[in-house]
Protein backbone atom coordinates (compact mmCIF):
# COMPACT_ATOMS: atom_id res chain seq x y z
CA MET A 1 15.98 -141.08 22.02
CA GLY A 2 15.43 -141.84 18.39
CA TYR A 3 18.03 -142.20 15.71
CA THR A 4 18.38 -139.20 13.40
CA LYS A 5 20.49 -139.14 10.25
CA SER A 6 22.91 -136.31 9.98
CA PRO A 7 22.06 -133.63 7.40
CA ARG A 8 25.19 -134.54 5.47
CA THR A 9 24.03 -138.16 5.00
CA CYS A 10 20.56 -137.12 3.86
CA ARG A 11 21.85 -134.50 1.46
CA GLY A 12 24.28 -136.99 -0.08
CA THR A 13 21.52 -139.52 -0.63
CA TRP A 14 19.20 -137.00 -2.28
CA THR A 15 21.97 -135.56 -4.39
CA THR A 16 22.83 -138.98 -5.81
CA PHE A 17 19.15 -139.81 -6.32
CA GLY A 18 18.47 -136.43 -7.95
CA VAL A 19 21.40 -136.71 -10.35
CA ARG A 20 20.40 -140.21 -11.39
CA LEU A 21 16.78 -139.15 -11.84
CA VAL A 22 17.70 -136.14 -13.99
CA LEU A 23 20.14 -138.17 -16.11
CA GLY A 24 17.61 -140.97 -16.56
CA VAL A 25 14.78 -138.68 -17.64
CA THR A 26 17.09 -136.69 -19.92
CA GLY A 27 18.44 -139.87 -21.49
CA ALA A 28 14.95 -141.20 -22.13
CA LEU A 29 13.82 -137.97 -23.78
CA VAL A 30 16.94 -137.69 -25.94
CA GLY A 31 16.55 -141.34 -26.94
CA ALA A 32 12.92 -140.88 -27.91
CA VAL A 33 13.63 -137.76 -29.94
CA GLY A 34 16.65 -139.41 -31.55
CA CYS A 35 14.57 -142.40 -32.64
CA LEU A 36 11.88 -140.24 -34.21
CA GLY A 37 13.85 -137.33 -35.56
CA PRO A 38 16.27 -137.94 -38.40
CA HIS A 39 14.24 -140.10 -40.78
CA ALA A 40 10.79 -138.66 -40.12
CA HIS A 41 11.03 -135.93 -42.76
CA TRP A 42 12.87 -137.56 -45.68
CA GLY A 43 11.17 -138.69 -48.85
CA LYS A 44 11.99 -140.20 -52.20
CA SER A 45 9.56 -141.12 -54.97
CA GLY A 46 8.84 -144.81 -55.26
CA MET A 47 10.39 -145.81 -51.93
CA THR A 48 8.57 -147.85 -49.30
CA ASP A 49 8.78 -147.02 -45.61
CA ALA A 50 10.94 -150.11 -45.07
CA GLU A 51 13.42 -148.98 -47.75
CA ARG A 52 13.51 -145.45 -46.30
CA ARG A 53 14.15 -146.82 -42.79
CA ARG A 54 16.93 -149.06 -44.09
CA ASP A 55 18.63 -146.17 -45.91
CA SER A 56 18.16 -143.89 -42.89
CA ASN A 57 19.70 -146.48 -40.55
CA ASP A 58 22.63 -146.96 -42.93
CA CYS A 59 23.24 -143.19 -42.93
CA LEU A 60 22.88 -143.02 -39.14
CA ASP A 61 25.48 -145.76 -38.76
CA GLU A 62 27.78 -143.91 -41.14
CA ALA A 63 27.31 -140.58 -39.31
CA SER A 64 27.52 -141.97 -35.75
CA TYR A 65 30.43 -142.12 -33.37
CA THR A 66 30.85 -143.04 -29.71
CA LYS A 67 31.72 -140.28 -27.30
CA THR A 68 33.16 -141.09 -23.87
CA VAL A 69 32.35 -138.64 -21.10
CA THR A 70 34.02 -138.81 -17.70
CA ILE A 71 31.87 -137.80 -14.74
CA PRO A 72 34.13 -137.16 -11.74
CA HIS A 73 33.09 -138.65 -8.41
CA GLN A 74 30.09 -140.46 -9.90
CA TRP A 75 30.12 -143.47 -12.20
CA GLY A 76 33.39 -142.95 -14.03
CA GLU A 77 33.13 -143.05 -17.81
CA VAL A 78 29.86 -142.96 -19.70
CA ARG A 79 29.74 -143.85 -23.39
CA ARG A 80 27.05 -142.45 -25.59
CA ARG A 81 26.26 -142.44 -29.28
CA GLU A 82 26.56 -139.09 -31.04
CA VAL A 83 25.37 -138.33 -34.56
CA ASP A 84 26.89 -135.82 -36.98
CA TYR A 85 23.62 -134.64 -38.52
CA ASP A 86 25.37 -132.73 -41.33
CA LEU A 87 27.00 -135.98 -42.43
CA TYR A 88 23.63 -137.75 -42.06
CA ARG A 89 21.93 -135.17 -44.32
CA ARG A 90 24.67 -135.44 -46.94
CA CYS A 91 24.35 -139.24 -46.90
CA MET A 92 20.56 -139.12 -47.34
CA LYS A 93 20.86 -136.57 -50.17
CA SER A 94 23.48 -138.73 -51.88
CA LYS A 95 20.93 -141.58 -51.88
CA GLY A 96 18.44 -139.33 -53.67
CA TYR A 97 16.23 -138.31 -50.71
CA ARG A 98 14.82 -134.84 -50.20
CA GLU A 99 14.09 -133.18 -46.88
CA GLY A 100 10.39 -132.55 -46.36
CA GLY A 101 9.09 -135.41 -48.48
CA ALA A 102 9.15 -136.79 -52.00
């Protein structure tokens, strides 16, 4: 007779794998969009890309906060960076930038 895993063991393994896979893919997509999104459509006459990136990063730092999420029965607490995009927009406008370009 061969050894067969119980259905409960298999299901538990796939559930853990599936949750980690979904969270990993979601995290990667959110990270990619977050890196491209906020500063891609701001412009100000006479500014170089390096200056725009610096100002955008300053506003992102100002508008960011850390959120702690507790996932029961998994990994415990997960910390992630959240951005208040209204505060980010106000910061960029206060520096003289316009949405949609110069």
